[in-house]
Amino acid sequence: MNTHTAKAQLHVPKDVSKRRLINPGWFLVSPSVVLLLLWMIVPLGMTVYFSLIRYNLLNPGENEFAGLDNFTYFITDSGFLPGAWNTLVLVGSVLLISVVFGVLISALLEASDFVGRGIVRVLLISPFFIMPTVGALVFKNLIFHPVSGILAALFKAVGLQPIDWLANYPLLSIIIIVSWQWLPFAILILMTAMQSLDQEQKEAARLDGAGPIAIFWHLTLPHLARPIAVVVMIETIFLLSVFAEIFTTTNGGPGFASTNLAYLIYNQALVQFDVGMASAGGLIAVVIANIAAIVLVRMIGKNLTDKT
């Protein structure tokens, strides 16, 4: 290769370099990116604005600057601590039920081979696709009802007094309803992950004399570590905003017995008409959700790092 040929290959025309700097893909992606940013930033900006003023729907003309007063009023509200505690109990209980029963049911389905197993799988996953309001109404009127509910009929059949679950055990009732809705999601993820388990390892463990419990403890559970972490992260994000089940069944009562942060924000906005305080509560809930998401993402990242 002579010197003239090398210079010709190294020479790049100016118009070609400009074309490389201007990527035509940006022109195709930019409208959707701008729309997505507006869709996220505009409601968030309005929420921040309303949280800093005294805005009540009964007095819409009085928009005085309130600073951080709305945040202080929301945190010191009589329903904040019960709502925060109920949110923690609700999220923790549903996660525990989903993970434990999800793992056990998935392992049972994977280990058993019976006629109609495909139909059973579909039935187990189906509740996840039912609207939360519909599921809550079914539990309220057909299962938990103290007169005409299924549990009332069972109690009467054995000579016991029926229980008004939504009045006497409101938070437990909400936990049962929400767990019924989210357990199929855990089963779906864990059952799919369990099907990818190497069967040769299980056969080798059986040949070495390992029993079903040892195989489950030393092979199946470590294999499900990543799917369990994903289930915990996704469910936590959604469980922090549970609302329809509470609104349909208990309305947050009796008192604040079944009120969580999402229902408390609704109560401030559309029952007490205090949009400013509700906006402040919404921002506090966003901060809590982001903290939970960051912690879970780091836990999952550490888990993935340790397993790889």
C-alpha atoms as a PDB file:
ATOM      1  CA  MET A   1       0.000   0.000   0.000  1.00  0.00           C
ATOM      2  CA  ASN A   2       1.575   3.346  -1.066  1.00  0.00           C
ATOM      3  CA  THR A   3       1.399   6.652   0.784  1.00  0.00           C
ATOM      4  CA  HIS A   4      -1.263   8.132  -1.526  1.00  0.00           C
ATOM      5  CA  THR A   5      -3.632   5.177  -0.937  1.00  0.00           C
ATOM      6  CA  ALA A   6      -3.181   5.390   2.854  1.00  0.00           C
ATOM      7  CA  LYS A   7      -3.986   9.119   2.858  1.00  0.00           C
ATOM      8  CA  ALA A   8      -7.078   8.468   0.733  1.00  0.00           C
ATOM      9  CA  GLN A   9      -8.320   5.873   3.204  1.00  0.00           C
ATOM     10  CA  LEU A  10      -7.642   8.110   6.212  1.00  0.00           C
ATOM     11  CA  HIS A  11      -9.356  11.086   4.610  1.00  0.00           C
ATOM     12  CA  VAL A  12     -13.024  11.417   5.664  1.00  0.00           C
ATOM     13  CA  PRO A  13     -15.171  13.984   3.856  1.00  0.00           C
ATOM     14  CA  LYS A  14     -16.687  16.732   6.007  1.00  0.00           C
ATOM     15  CA  ASP A  15     -20.256  15.928   5.015  1.00  0.00           C
ATOM     16  CA  VAL A  16     -19.769  12.305   6.122  1.00  0.00           C
ATOM     17  CA  SER A  17     -18.522  13.406   9.568  1.00  0.00           C
ATOM     18  CA  LYS A  18     -21.512  15.708   9.930  1.00  0.00           C
ATOM     19  CA  ARG A  19     -23.869  12.891   9.033  1.00  0.00           C
ATOM     20  CA  ARG A  20     -22.279  10.763  11.747  1.00  0.00           C
ATOM     21  CA  LEU A  21     -22.832  13.496  14.355  1.00  0.00           C
ATOM     22  CA  ILE A  22     -26.488  13.905  13.374  1.00  0.00           C
ATOM     23  CA  ASN A  23     -28.113  10.553  13.944  1.00  0.00           C
ATOM     24  CA  PRO A  24     -31.467  10.347  12.096  1.00  0.00           C
ATOM     25  CA  GLY A  25     -32.722   7.968  14.788  1.00  0.00           C
ATOM     26  CA  TRP A  26     -33.048  10.863  17.197  1.00  0.00           C
ATOM     27  CA  PHE A  27     -35.671  12.471  14.971  1.00  0.00           C
ATOM     28  CA  LEU A  28     -37.727   9.270  15.094  1.00  0.00           C
ATOM     29  CA  VAL A  29     -37.444   8.748  18.848  1.00  0.00           C
ATOM     30  CA  SER A  30     -37.687  12.367  20.031  1.00  0.00           C
ATOM     31  CA  PRO A  31     -41.509  12.755  19.735  1.00  0.00           C
ATOM     32  CA  SER A  32     -42.176   9.745  21.959  1.00  0.00           C
ATOM     33  CA  VAL A  33     -39.477  10.839  24.429  1.00  0.00           C
ATOM     34  CA  VAL A  34     -40.921  14.367  24.646  1.00  0.00           C
ATOM     35  CA  LEU A  35     -44.445  12.992  25.064  1.00  0.00           C
ATOM     36  CA  LEU A  36     -43.279  10.611  27.801  1.00  0.00           C
ATOM     37  CA  LEU A  37     -41.476  13.416  29.645  1.00  0.00           C
ATOM     38  CA  LEU A  38     -44.537  15.673  29.459  1.00  0.00           C
ATOM     39  CA  TRP A  39     -46.764  12.830  30.603  1.00  0.00           C
ATOM     40  CA  MET A  40     -44.557  12.346  33.667  1.00  0.00           C
ATOM     41  CA  ILE A  41     -43.383  15.873  34.467  1.00  0.00           C
ATOM     42  CA  VAL A  42     -46.633  17.823  34.074  1.00  0.00           C
ATOM     43  CA  PRO A  43     -48.679  15.862  36.689  1.00  0.00           C
ATOM     44  CA  LEU A  44     -45.681  15.732  39.015  1.00  0.00           C
ATOM     45  CA  GLY A  45     -45.122  19.469  38.643  1.00  0.00           C
ATOM     46  CA  MET A  46     -48.791  20.191  39.356  1.00  0.00           C
ATOM     47  CA  THR A  47     -48.623  17.981  42.438  1.00  0.00           C
ATOM     48  CA  VAL A  48     -45.581  19.855  43.715  1.00  0.00           C
ATOM     49  CA  TYR A  49     -47.325  23.177  43.034  1.00  0.00           C
ATOM     50  CA  PHE A  50     -50.525  22.217  44.872  1.00  0.00           C
ATOM     51  CA  SER A  51     -48.514  20.826  47.792  1.00  0.00           C
ATOM     52  CA  LEU A  52     -46.982  24.264  48.383  1.00  0.00           C
ATOM     53  CA  ILE A  53     -50.248  26.240  48.471  1.00  0.00           C
ATOM     54  CA  ARG A  54     -53.427  26.177  50.536  1.00  0.00           C
ATOM     55  CA  TYR A  55     -55.850  24.814  47.975  1.00  0.00           C
ATOM     56  CA  ASN A  56     -59.253  23.597  49.144  1.00  0.00           C
ATOM     57  CA  LEU A  57     -62.034  22.716  46.726  1.00  0.00           C
ATOM     58  CA  LEU A  58     -64.535  24.479  48.977  1.00  0.00           C
ATOM     59  CA  ASN A  59     -62.524  27.718  48.707  1.00  0.00           C
ATOM     60  CA  PRO A  60     -60.870  27.531  45.267  1.00  0.00           C
ATOM     61  CA  GLY A  61     -60.029  31.243  45.200  1.00  0.00           C
ATOM     62  CA  GLU A  62     -57.744  31.135  48.236  1.00  0.00           C
ATOM     63  CA  ASN A  63     -54.381  29.934  46.956  1.00  0.00           C
ATOM     64  CA  GLU A  64     -51.974  31.297  49.527  1.00  0.00           C
ATOM     65  CA  PHE A  65     -48.418  30.040  49.639  1.00  0.00           C
ATOM     66  CA  ALA A  66     -48.143  27.488  52.446  1.00  0.00           C
ATOM     67  CA  GLY A  67     -44.528  26.369  52.183  1.00  0.00           C
ATOM     68  CA  LEU A  68     -44.074  23.058  53.972  1.00  0.00           C
ATOM     69  CA  ASP A  69     -47.202  23.410  56.114  1.00  0.00           C
ATOM     70  CA  ASN A  70     -49.143  20.836  54.084  1.00  0.00           C
ATOM     71  CA  PHE A  71     -46.398  18.277  54.632  1.00  0.00           C
ATOM     72  CA  THR A  72     -46.358  19.029  58.357  1.00  0.00           C
ATOM     73  CA  TYR A  73     -50.148  18.758  58.621  1.00  0.00           C
ATOM     74  CA  PHE A  74     -50.187  15.462  56.727  1.00  0.00           C
ATOM     75  CA  ILE A  75     -47.456  13.866  58.849  1.00  0.00           C
ATOM     76  CA  THR A  76     -49.071  15.075  62.086  1.00  0.00           C
ATOM     77  CA  ASP A  77     -52.552  14.005  60.972  1.00  0.00           C
ATOM     78  CA  SER A  78     -54.195  11.473  63.265  1.00  0.00           C
ATOM     79  CA  GLY A  79     -54.455   8.968  60.429  1.00  0.00           C
ATOM     80  CA  PHE A  80     -50.849   9.118  59.210  1.00  0.00           C
ATOM     81  CA  LEU A  81     -49.219   6.740  61.719  1.00  0.00           C
ATOM     82  CA  PRO A  82     -52.062   4.163  61.545  1.00  0.00           C
ATOM     83  CA  GLY A  83     -52.045   4.455  57.753  1.00  0.00           C
ATOM     84  CA  ALA A  84     -48.270   4.010  57.552  1.00  0.00           C
ATOM     85  CA  TRP A  85     -48.391   1.020  59.934  1.00  0.00           C
ATOM     86  CA  ASN A  86     -51.293  -0.590  58.048  1.00  0.00           C
ATOM     87  CA  THR A  87     -49.417  -0.084  54.769  1.00  0.00           C
ATOM     88  CA  LEU A  88     -46.354  -1.807  56.222  1.00  0.00           C
ATOM     89  CA  VAL A  89     -48.406  -4.700  57.623  1.00  0.00           C
ATOM     90  CA  LEU A  90     -50.380  -5.076  54.387  1.00  0.00           C
ATOM     91  CA  VAL A  91     -47.316  -5.110  52.144  1.00  0.00           C
ATOM     92  CA  GLY A  92     -45.315  -7.427  54.422  1.00  0.00           C
ATOM     93  CA  SER A  93     -48.173  -9.894  54.935  1.00  0.00           C
ATOM     94  CA  VAL A  94     -49.100 -10.130  51.260  1.00  0.00           C
ATOM     95  CA  LEU A  95     -45.451 -10.586  50.281  1.00  0.00           C
ATOM     96  CA  LEU A  96     -45.003 -13.345  52.857  1.00  0.00           C
ATOM     97  CA  ILE A  97     -48.159 -15.153  51.743  1.00  0.00           C
ATOM     98  CA  SER A  98     -47.338 -14.751  48.045  1.00  0.00           C
ATOM     99  CA  VAL A  99     -43.760 -15.991  48.322  1.00  0.00           C
ATOM    100  CA  VAL A 100     -44.356 -18.892  50.729  1.00  0.00           C
ATOM    101  CA  PHE A 101     -47.493 -20.277  49.110  1.00  0.00           C
ATOM    102  CA  GLY A 102     -46.230 -19.416  45.629  1.00  0.00           C
ATOM    103  CA  VAL A 103     -43.114 -21.518  46.148  1.00  0.00           C
ATOM    104  CA  LEU A 104     -45.025 -24.421  47.728  1.00  0.00           C
ATOM    105  CA  ILE A 105     -47.781 -24.507  45.090  1.00  0.00           C
ATOM    106  CA  SER A 106     -45.289 -24.180  42.230  1.00  0.00           C
ATOM    107  CA  ALA A 107     -43.140 -26.987  43.656  1.00  0.00           C
ATOM    108  CA  LEU A 108     -46.206 -29.187  44.151  1.00  0.00           C
ATOM    109  CA  LEU A 109     -47.399 -28.653  40.590  1.00  0.00           C
ATOM    110  CA  GLU A 110     -43.944 -29.299  39.195  1.00  0.00           C
ATOM    111  CA  ALA A 111     -43.453 -32.487  41.222  1.00  0.00           C
ATOM    112  CA  SER A 112     -46.912 -33.973  40.535  1.00  0.00           C
ATOM    113  CA  ASP A 113     -48.068 -35.363  37.237  1.00  0.00           C
ATOM    114  CA  PHE A 114     -51.824 -35.800  37.144  1.00  0.00           C
ATOM    115  CA  VAL A 115     -54.648 -35.512  34.665  1.00  0.00           C
ATOM    116  CA  GLY A 116     -55.794 -31.922  34.185  1.00  0.00           C
ATOM    117  CA  ARG A 117     -52.629 -30.265  35.466  1.00  0.00           C
ATOM    118  CA  GLY A 118     -52.830 -27.682  32.682  1.00  0.00           C
ATOM    119  CA  ILE A 119     -56.359 -26.734  33.713  1.00  0.00           C
ATOM    120  CA  VAL A 120     -55.255 -26.404  37.339  1.00  0.00           C
ATOM    121  CA  ARG A 121     -52.457 -24.073  36.294  1.00  0.00           C
ATOM    122  CA  VAL A 122     -54.877 -21.860  34.383  1.00  0.00           C
ATOM    123  CA  LEU A 123     -57.280 -21.757  37.342  1.00  0.00           C
ATOM    124  CA  LEU A 124     -54.457 -20.823  39.715  1.00  0.00           C
ATOM    125  CA  ILE A 125     -53.350 -17.937  37.509  1.00  0.00           C
ATOM    126  CA  SER A 126     -56.859 -16.664  36.668  1.00  0.00           C
ATOM    127  CA  PRO A 127     -57.483 -14.497  39.794  1.00  0.00           C
ATOM    128  CA  PHE A 128     -54.614 -12.219  38.773  1.00  0.00           C
ATOM    129  CA  PHE A 129     -56.614 -11.092  35.722  1.00  0.00           C
ATOM    130  CA  ILE A 130     -59.776 -10.226  37.673  1.00  0.00           C
ATOM    131  CA  MET A 131     -60.342  -6.532  38.372  1.00  0.00           C
ATOM    132  CA  PRO A 132     -59.577  -5.619  42.008  1.00  0.00           C
ATOM    133  CA  THR A 133     -63.031  -4.070  42.486  1.00  0.00           C
ATOM    134  CA  VAL A 134     -64.780  -7.208  41.238  1.00  0.00           C
ATOM    135  CA  GLY A 135     -62.691  -9.478  43.449  1.00  0.00           C
ATOM    136  CA  ALA A 136     -63.317  -7.250  46.473  1.00  0.00           C
ATOM    137  CA  LEU A 137     -67.082  -7.294  45.840  1.00  0.00           C
ATOM    138  CA  VAL A 138     -67.062 -11.092  45.562  1.00  0.00           C
ATOM    139  CA  PHE A 139     -65.337 -11.409  48.931  1.00  0.00           C
ATOM    140  CA  LYS A 140     -67.533  -8.761  50.519  1.00  0.00           C
ATOM    141  CA  ASN A 141     -70.927 -10.090  49.408  1.00  0.00           C
ATOM    142  CA  LEU A 142     -70.356 -13.799  48.788  1.00  0.00           C
ATOM    143  CA  ILE A 143     -67.619 -14.879  51.215  1.00  0.00           C
ATOM    144  CA  PHE A 144     -67.244 -12.482  54.160  1.00  0.00           C
ATOM    145  CA  HIS A 145     -70.896 -11.460  54.486  1.00  0.00           C
ATOM    146  CA  PRO A 146     -72.069 -12.355  58.034  1.00  0.00           C
ATOM    147  CA  VAL A 147     -75.540 -13.471  56.874  1.00  0.00           C
ATOM    148  CA  SER A 148     -75.361 -14.788  53.313  1.00  0.00           C
ATOM    149  CA  GLY A 149     -71.635 -15.454  52.927  1.00  0.00           C
ATOM    150  CA  ILE A 150     -69.966 -18.811  52.416  1.00  0.00           C
ATOM    151  CA  LEU A 151     -68.000 -18.531  55.659  1.00  0.00           C
ATOM    152  CA  ALA A 152     -71.201 -17.714  57.563  1.00  0.00           C
ATOM    153  CA  ALA A 153     -72.828 -20.855  56.154  1.00  0.00           C
ATOM    154  CA  LEU A 154     -69.832 -22.963  57.183  1.00  0.00           C
ATOM    155  CA  PHE A 155     -69.859 -21.521  60.694  1.00  0.00           C
ATOM    156  CA  LYS A 156     -73.585 -22.220  61.038  1.00  0.00           C
ATOM    157  CA  ALA A 157     -73.094 -25.770  59.746  1.00  0.00           C
ATOM    158  CA  VAL A 158     -70.762 -26.574  62.647  1.00  0.00           C
ATOM    159  CA  GLY A 159     -72.846 -24.690  65.222  1.00  0.00           C
ATOM    160  CA  LEU A 160     -70.684 -21.560  65.510  1.00  0.00           C
ATOM    161  CA  GLN A 161     -71.678 -17.922  65.429  1.00  0.00           C
ATOM    162  CA  PRO A 162     -70.845 -16.252  62.088  1.00  0.00           C
ATOM    163  CA  ILE A 163     -68.248 -13.489  62.144  1.00  0.00           C
ATOM    164  CA  ASP A 164     -68.553 -10.100  60.510  1.00  0.00           C
ATOM    165  CA  TRP A 165     -65.057 -10.184  59.051  1.00  0.00           C
ATOM    166  CA  LEU A 166     -65.011  -6.699  57.538  1.00  0.00           C
ATOM    167  CA  ALA A 167     -66.139  -5.115  60.827  1.00  0.00           C
ATOM    168  CA  ASN A 168     -64.180  -7.212  63.328  1.00  0.00           C
ATOM    169  CA  TYR A 169     -61.060  -8.046  61.287  1.00  0.00           C
ATOM    170  CA  PRO A 170     -60.902  -5.373  58.573  1.00  0.00           C
ATOM    171  CA  LEU A 171     -57.156  -5.368  57.927  1.00  0.00           C
ATOM    172  CA  LEU A 172     -56.981  -9.172  57.919  1.00  0.00           C
ATOM    173  CA  SER A 173     -59.843  -9.232  55.413  1.00  0.00           C
ATOM    174  CA  ILE A 174     -58.011  -6.784  53.145  1.00  0.00           C
ATOM    175  CA  ILE A 175     -54.838  -8.871  53.405  1.00  0.00           C
ATOM    176  CA  ILE A 176     -56.762 -12.010  52.386  1.00  0.00           C
ATOM    177  CA  ILE A 177     -58.373 -10.261  49.403  1.00  0.00           C
ATOM    178  CA  VAL A 178     -55.131  -8.715  48.145  1.00  0.00           C
ATOM    179  CA  SER A 179     -53.210 -11.964  48.687  1.00  0.00           C
ATOM    180  CA  TRP A 180     -55.817 -13.839  46.645  1.00  0.00           C
ATOM    181  CA  GLN A 181     -55.214 -11.383  43.812  1.00  0.00           C
ATOM    182  CA  TRP A 182     -51.390 -11.348  43.910  1.00  0.00           C
ATOM    183  CA  LEU A 183     -50.624 -14.981  44.767  1.00  0.00           C
ATOM    184  CA  PRO A 184     -51.289 -16.045  41.129  1.00  0.00           C
ATOM    185  CA  PHE A 185     -48.639 -13.578  39.955  1.00  0.00           C
ATOM    186  CA  ALA A 186     -46.060 -15.207  42.218  1.00  0.00           C
ATOM    187  CA  ILE A 187     -47.176 -18.662  41.071  1.00  0.00           C
ATOM    188  CA  LEU A 188     -46.833 -17.628  37.428  1.00  0.00           C
ATOM    189  CA  ILE A 189     -43.289 -16.298  37.855  1.00  0.00           C
ATOM    190  CA  LEU A 190     -42.079 -19.099  40.139  1.00  0.00           C
ATOM    191  CA  MET A 191     -43.701 -21.898  38.154  1.00  0.00           C
ATOM    192  CA  THR A 192     -42.086 -20.619  34.958  1.00  0.00           C
ATOM    193  CA  ALA A 193     -38.707 -20.394  36.682  1.00  0.00           C
ATOM    194  CA  MET A 194     -39.070 -23.867  38.150  1.00  0.00           C
ATOM    195  CA  GLN A 195     -39.588 -25.380  34.706  1.00  0.00           C
ATOM    196  CA  SER A 196     -36.119 -24.130  33.735  1.00  0.00           C
ATOM    197  CA  LEU A 197     -34.447 -26.073  36.565  1.00  0.00           C
ATOM    198  CA  ASP A 198     -31.887 -28.564  35.295  1.00  0.00           C
ATOM    199  CA  GLN A 199     -33.471 -31.988  35.692  1.00  0.00           C
ATOM    200  CA  GLU A 200     -30.093 -33.707  35.489  1.00  0.00           C
ATOM    201  CA  GLN A 201     -29.083 -32.160  38.812  1.00  0.00           C
ATOM    202  CA  LYS A 202     -32.229 -33.501  40.433  1.00  0.00           C
ATOM    203  CA  GLU A 203     -31.633 -36.958  38.985  1.00  0.00           C
ATOM    204  CA  ALA A 204     -28.041 -36.892  40.218  1.00  0.00           C
ATOM    205  CA  ALA A 205     -29.226 -35.860  43.679  1.00  0.00           C
ATOM    206  CA  ARG A 206     -31.730 -38.738  43.734  1.00  0.00           C
ATOM    207  CA  LEU A 207     -29.016 -41.188  42.738  1.00  0.00           C
ATOM    208  CA  ASP A 208     -26.889 -39.889  45.612  1.00  0.00           C
ATOM    209  CA  GLY A 209     -29.729 -40.676  48.018  1.00  0.00           C
ATOM    210  CA  ALA A 210     -31.195 -37.187  48.503  1.00  0.00           C
ATOM    211  CA  GLY A 211     -34.857 -37.083  49.452  1.00  0.00           C
ATOM    212  CA  PRO A 212     -37.540 -34.681  48.178  1.00  0.00           C
ATOM    213  CA  ILE A 213     -37.031 -32.242  51.066  1.00  0.00           C
ATOM    214  CA  ALA A 214     -33.263 -32.117  50.574  1.00  0.00           C
ATOM    215  CA  ILE A 215     -33.677 -31.594  46.810  1.00  0.00           C
ATOM    216  CA  PHE A 216     -36.190 -28.822  47.417  1.00  0.00           C
ATOM    217  CA  TRP A 217     -33.996 -27.107  50.016  1.00  0.00           C
ATOM    218  CA  HIS A 218     -30.617 -27.387  48.280  1.00  0.00           C
ATOM    219  CA  LEU A 219     -31.591 -27.236  44.596  1.00  0.00           C
ATOM    220  CA  THR A 220     -35.032 -25.734  44.072  1.00  0.00           C
ATOM    221  CA  LEU A 221     -34.880 -22.842  46.535  1.00  0.00           C
ATOM    222  CA  PRO A 222     -31.446 -21.559  45.388  1.00  0.00           C
ATOM    223  CA  HIS A 223     -32.707 -21.738  41.806  1.00  0.00           C
ATOM    224  CA  LEU A 224     -35.753 -19.636  42.755  1.00  0.00           C
ATOM    225  CA  ALA A 225     -33.733 -16.897  44.496  1.00  0.00           C
ATOM    226  CA  ARG A 226     -33.811 -14.540  41.520  1.00  0.00           C
ATOM    227  CA  PRO A 227     -37.514 -15.028  40.654  1.00  0.00           C
ATOM    228  CA  ILE A 228     -38.447 -14.521  44.313  1.00  0.00           C
ATOM    229  CA  ALA A 229     -36.490 -11.259  44.360  1.00  0.00           C
ATOM    230  CA  VAL A 230     -38.312 -10.097  41.215  1.00  0.00           C
ATOM    231  CA  VAL A 231     -41.694 -11.023  42.717  1.00  0.00           C
ATOM    232  CA  VAL A 232     -40.897  -9.113  45.913  1.00  0.00           C
ATOM    233  CA  MET A 233     -39.791  -5.997  44.042  1.00  0.00           C
ATOM    234  CA  ILE A 234     -42.727  -5.836  41.616  1.00  0.00           C
ATOM    235  CA  GLU A 235     -45.381  -6.665  44.207  1.00  0.00           C
ATOM    236  CA  THR A 236     -44.005  -4.145  46.704  1.00  0.00           C
ATOM    237  CA  ILE A 237     -44.292  -1.302  44.203  1.00  0.00           C
ATOM    238  CA  PHE A 238     -47.920  -2.147  43.442  1.00  0.00           C
ATOM    239  CA  LEU A 239     -48.955  -3.045  46.994  1.00  0.00           C
ATOM    240  CA  LEU A 240     -47.938   0.389  48.266  1.00  0.00           C
ATOM    241  CA  SER A 241     -50.826   1.828  46.237  1.00  0.00           C
ATOM    242  CA  VAL A 242     -53.624  -0.605  47.137  1.00  0.00           C
ATOM    243  CA  PHE A 243     -56.874   1.363  47.100  1.00  0.00           C
ATOM    244  CA  ALA A 244     -59.794  -0.309  45.286  1.00  0.00           C
ATOM    245  CA  GLU A 245     -60.059  -3.211  47.740  1.00  0.00           C
ATOM    246  CA  ILE A 246     -60.241  -0.853  50.747  1.00  0.00           C
ATOM    247  CA  PHE A 247     -62.662   1.554  49.081  1.00  0.00           C
ATOM    248  CA  THR A 248     -64.988  -1.261  48.017  1.00  0.00           C
ATOM    249  CA  THR A 249     -65.097  -3.158  51.307  1.00  0.00           C
ATOM    250  CA  THR A 250     -64.258  -1.210  54.489  1.00  0.00           C
ATOM    251  CA  ASN A 251     -63.792   2.454  53.444  1.00  0.00           C
ATOM    252  CA  GLY A 252     -60.715   2.480  55.654  1.00  0.00           C
ATOM    253  CA  GLY A 253     -62.649   1.701  58.816  1.00  0.00           C
ATOM    254  CA  PRO A 254     -63.661   1.116  61.440  1.00  0.00           C
ATOM    255  CA  GLY A 255     -61.818   4.326  62.265  1.00  0.00           C
ATOM    256  CA  PHE A 256     -58.357   3.938  60.759  1.00  0.00           C
ATOM    257  CA  ALA A 257     -58.226   0.156  61.249  1.00  0.00           C
ATOM    258  CA  SER A 258     -57.855  -0.588  57.525  1.00  0.00           C
ATOM    259  CA  THR A 259     -56.632   2.773  56.214  1.00  0.00           C
ATOM    260  CA  ASN A 260     -53.374   2.801  54.282  1.00  0.00           C
ATOM    261  CA  LEU A 261     -51.495   5.782  52.856  1.00  0.00           C
ATOM    262  CA  ALA A 262     -53.218   5.579  49.477  1.00  0.00           C
ATOM    263  CA  TYR A 263     -56.684   5.676  51.048  1.00  0.00           C
ATOM    264  CA  LEU A 264     -55.620   8.431  53.449  1.00  0.00           C
ATOM    265  CA  ILE A 265     -54.566  10.587  50.482  1.00  0.00           C
ATOM    266  CA  TYR A 266     -57.918   9.928  48.803  1.00  0.00           C
ATOM    267  CA  ASN A 267     -59.699  10.856  52.029  1.00  0.00           C
ATOM    268  CA  GLN A 268     -57.855  14.182  52.207  1.00  0.00           C
ATOM    269  CA  ALA A 269     -58.519  15.036  48.555  1.00  0.00           C
ATOM    270  CA  LEU A 270     -62.097  13.936  47.853  1.00  0.00           C
ATOM    271  CA  VAL A 271     -63.677  13.691  51.313  1.00  0.00           C
ATOM    272  CA  GLN A 272     -62.129  16.674  53.070  1.00  0.00           C
ATOM    273  CA  PHE A 273     -61.514  18.512  49.757  1.00  0.00           C
ATOM    274  CA  ASP A 274     -58.003  19.521  50.840  1.00  0.00           C
ATOM    275  CA  VAL A 275     -56.058  19.167  47.598  1.00  0.00           C
ATOM    276  CA  GLY A 276     -52.950  20.818  49.048  1.00  0.00           C
ATOM    277  CA  MET A 277     -52.560  18.334  51.880  1.00  0.00           C
ATOM    278  CA  ALA A 278     -53.429  15.415  49.589  1.00  0.00           C
ATOM    279  CA  SER A 279     -50.738  16.531  47.135  1.00  0.00           C
ATOM    280  CA  ALA A 280     -48.214  16.698  49.970  1.00  0.00           C
ATOM    281  CA  GLY A 281     -49.248  13.199  51.038  1.00  0.00           C
ATOM    282  CA  GLY A 282     -48.851  11.988  47.468  1.00  0.00           C
ATOM    283  CA  LEU A 283     -45.290  13.307  47.340  1.00  0.00           C
ATOM    284  CA  ILE A 284     -44.516  11.667  50.678  1.00  0.00           C
ATOM    285  CA  ALA A 285     -45.878   8.384  49.303  1.00  0.00           C
ATOM    286  CA  VAL A 286     -43.718   8.815  46.185  1.00  0.00           C
ATOM    287  CA  VAL A 287     -40.637   9.283  48.362  1.00  0.00           C
ATOM    288  CA  ILE A 288     -41.495   6.176  50.400  1.00  0.00           C
ATOM    289  CA  ALA A 289     -42.102   4.138  47.235  1.00  0.00           C
ATOM    290  CA  ASN A 290     -38.799   5.267  45.734  1.00  0.00           C
ATOM    291  CA  ILE A 291     -36.915   4.407  48.914  1.00  0.00           C
ATOM    292  CA  ALA A 292     -38.499   0.955  48.925  1.00  0.00           C
ATOM    293  CA  ALA A 293     -37.692   0.501  45.223  1.00  0.00           C
ATOM    294  CA  ILE A 294     -34.042   1.548  45.705  1.00  0.00           C
ATOM    295  CA  VAL A 295     -33.614  -0.826  48.651  1.00  0.00           C
ATOM    296  CA  LEU A 296     -35.212  -3.704  46.754  1.00  0.00           C
ATOM    297  CA  VAL A 297     -33.200  -3.037  43.601  1.00  0.00           C
ATOM    298  CA  ARG A 298     -29.980  -3.065  45.625  1.00  0.00           C
ATOM    299  CA  MET A 299     -31.017  -6.253  47.377  1.00  0.00           C
ATOM    300  CA  ILE A 300     -31.811  -7.884  44.049  1.00  0.00           C
ATOM    301  CA  GLY A 301     -28.573  -6.639  42.522  1.00  0.00           C
ATOM    302  CA  LYS A 302     -26.582  -8.057  45.456  1.00  0.00           C
ATOM    303  CA  ASN A 303     -28.519 -11.302  45.147  1.00  0.00           C
ATOM    304  CA  LEU A 304     -27.772 -11.570  41.443  1.00  0.00           C
ATOM    305  CA  THR A 305     -24.116 -10.712  42.032  1.00  0.00           C
ATOM    306  CA  ASP A 306     -23.779 -13.396  44.705  1.00  0.00           C
ATOM    307  CA  LYS A 307     -25.457 -16.036  42.563  1.00  0.00           C
ATOM    308  CA  THR A 308     -23.455 -15.401  39.414  1.00  0.00           C
END
